[in-house]
Amino acid sequence: MAFVGVDGGGTKTKVVALDGEGHLVHERVYPTSYLPAVGEAGFRRLFQTIRDELPEPVEGAVLGLGGYGEVSPWDEAYLRLAGEAFGERVHLLNDVELAWWAAFDGEDGVVVIAGTGSMAYGRGPKGSGRAGGYGPLFGDEGSAYWIGLEALRLASKAQDGRTPPSALTALPRVYGQKSLLELLGFLQAEADLLRQRVAALAEEVDRLAGRDWGAQDVLSRAAGELHLLGSTLAYRVGADRVAPMGGVFRSALVQEAFTRRMERDGFAVVAPREEAALAAARMAARRFG
């Protein structure tokens, strides 16, 4: 038997499976399972692949999915599709709530997620709550998508001479394009990949930050937005610990600036206790084992 944990984010889906004795029997990263991006057909195909690759029959599964619990039609589709993949012994929660469990194992604290998107979730003496998580249209501040978009905005100003020169004007080369206008056409050509492709530019922005004022400015502002998410929610729920999670925090500049600002406000910045997909698999074993 296998107890399956799924951490489904905006860029990738991490799957972990444990056997009945808690031993790791499967661990793999798959493409995104974010429903608005892949659609029902794409979600179904992905989880058919996941199920086929599991070495043992599924005894129970816990899935942390982007957007679950936020939009009713998405919830209905997620529940139906997860049932198709794993049967009745399945439990769904938002991927950020799953990250909170992974970070604090049910104890007080706030987790700040910065991957493709951004959001904070936490619990404390004053209750539970969330901040951010409004998506790319008018949210996701400090996320990889936000960093990519802000970098492109600054690059266009530098290209025009509206700001001092910046190495960010070389961002089109990431996708083999010669100019910002060519990159614009490339990004708009496939709307379903737009968010992921813009978010992927964040790695190049971080690489350029060692020598470019523009990249440094974007990452510094991203750290400020993530600090605002975490501190606002921590004050609201009464928590005194904050755990950063997600690919954006692999940037030393973002991590250091975020930590400095949180500690200045009196919060302890702690490392998550375990990885989210593994936490989901352990939850599945406790719930269905």
Foldseek 3Di string as FASTA:
>chain_A
DWQKFWQADPFKIWIWIADLVRHTDDTDIGGHLACVLQPLVRNLVVLVVVLVPRPDQYLAFEYAYAPAPPDVVVVVSVVVSVCVRRNDRYHYHHSQVLLACQFPVPDFEKEWEAALATKIWTAAQQGTDIDFSPDDPPTRFLHLLQLLVQLLVVLVCCVVVVDPHWPSQVLVVVVPDDGSVRVVCVLVVDVSCNSVVSSVSLVVLLVRCVPTPSSLVSLLRSLVVSLCRRVVRCVNNVGQEYEYDYDSCVRVSSVVSNCVVSVVVRHHYDYGNHDSRSSRSVVSSVVRD
